[in-house]
Amino acid sequence: MATNERIEINPKIMLGKPVIRGTRIPVELILRKLGEGASEAELLDAYPNLSREDIRAAMLFAADAVAHEETATAD
């Protein structure tokens, strides 16, 4: 699955934060809720416009973002 099919970054939507395409649901919100212990089923229930594929795309998007971050080096 290509995350760019499901994730959108548009300065006119949520100040340019990555969101699930066609919604105003930020990737950050999905990740935060999962990190707080919410299940996939709970997210799908709370956000009817969300799909399982959207949740997976959000996690892949975050993994890609972290993979491209600079890391600190020991002095």
Protein backbone atom coordinates (compact mmCIF):
# COMPACT_ATOMS: atom_id res chain seq x y z
CA MET A 1 0.00 0.00 0.00
CA ALA A 2 1.35 3.40 -0.91
CA THR A 3 0.82 5.77 2.00
CA ASN A 4 0.52 8.70 -0.39
CA GLU A 5 -2.75 7.19 -1.61
CA ARG A 6 -4.17 7.53 1.91
CA ILE A 7 -2.19 10.37 3.50
CA GLU A 8 -2.54 13.98 2.37
CA ILE A 9 -0.53 17.05 3.27
CA ASN A 10 -2.25 20.26 2.22
CA PRO A 11 -1.58 23.67 3.82
CA LYS A 12 -5.31 24.42 3.55
CA ILE A 13 -6.26 21.38 5.66
CA MET A 14 -5.33 21.24 9.36
CA LEU A 15 -2.50 23.76 8.78
CA GLY A 16 -0.65 21.29 6.56
CA LYS A 17 -0.45 18.45 9.07
CA PRO A 18 -0.61 14.99 7.50
CA VAL A 19 -4.22 13.77 7.49
CA ILE A 20 -6.12 10.80 6.16
CA ARG A 21 -7.02 11.77 2.59
CA GLY A 22 -10.54 13.15 2.28
CA THR A 23 -10.87 13.75 6.03
CA ARG A 24 -9.63 16.13 8.68
CA ILE A 25 -8.31 13.24 10.78
CA PRO A 26 -4.62 13.89 11.51
CA VAL A 27 -2.12 11.05 11.40
CA GLU A 28 -0.89 12.33 14.77
CA LEU A 29 -4.33 11.75 16.33
CA ILE A 30 -4.40 8.14 15.15
CA LEU A 31 -0.91 7.47 16.46
CA ARG A 32 -1.60 9.18 19.77
CA LYS A 33 -4.81 7.21 20.33
CA LEU A 34 -3.03 3.93 19.51
CA GLY A 35 -0.19 4.90 21.84
CA GLU A 36 -2.71 5.56 24.62
CA GLY A 37 -4.01 2.03 24.20
CA ALA A 38 -6.98 2.48 21.89
CA SER A 39 -7.69 -0.53 19.73
CA GLU A 40 -8.19 -0.46 15.98
CA ALA A 41 -11.86 -1.31 16.58
CA GLU A 42 -12.26 1.63 18.98
CA LEU A 43 -10.77 4.01 16.42
CA LEU A 44 -13.03 2.69 13.68
CA ASP A 45 -16.03 3.12 15.98
CA ALA A 46 -15.04 6.65 17.03
CA TYR A 47 -14.20 7.81 13.49
CA PRO A 48 -16.66 6.26 10.99
CA ASN A 49 -14.79 7.74 8.00
CA LEU A 50 -11.65 5.82 8.99
CA SER A 51 -10.73 2.39 7.61
CA ARG A 52 -8.27 -0.27 8.71
CA GLU A 53 -6.14 0.63 5.70
CA ASP A 54 -6.08 4.27 6.84
CA ILE A 55 -4.79 3.23 10.27
CA ARG A 56 -2.06 1.10 8.69
CA ALA A 57 -1.14 3.93 6.32
CA ALA A 58 -0.80 6.30 9.29
CA MET A 59 1.57 3.89 11.03
CA LEU A 60 3.62 3.38 7.86
CA PHE A 61 3.77 7.14 7.32
CA ALA A 62 5.09 7.62 10.86
CA ALA A 63 7.64 4.82 10.45
CA ASP A 64 8.89 6.40 7.23
CA ALA A 65 9.14 9.80 8.92
CA VAL A 66 11.17 8.38 11.79
CA ALA A 67 13.38 6.39 9.42
CA HIS A 68 14.44 9.61 7.72
CA GLU A 69 15.18 11.59 10.90
CA GLU A 70 18.71 12.52 11.77
CA THR A 71 20.09 10.67 14.75
CA ALA A 72 22.28 12.04 17.53
CA THR A 73 25.86 10.86 17.61
CA ALA A 74 28.07 10.43 20.64
CA ASP A 75 30.77 13.03 21.03
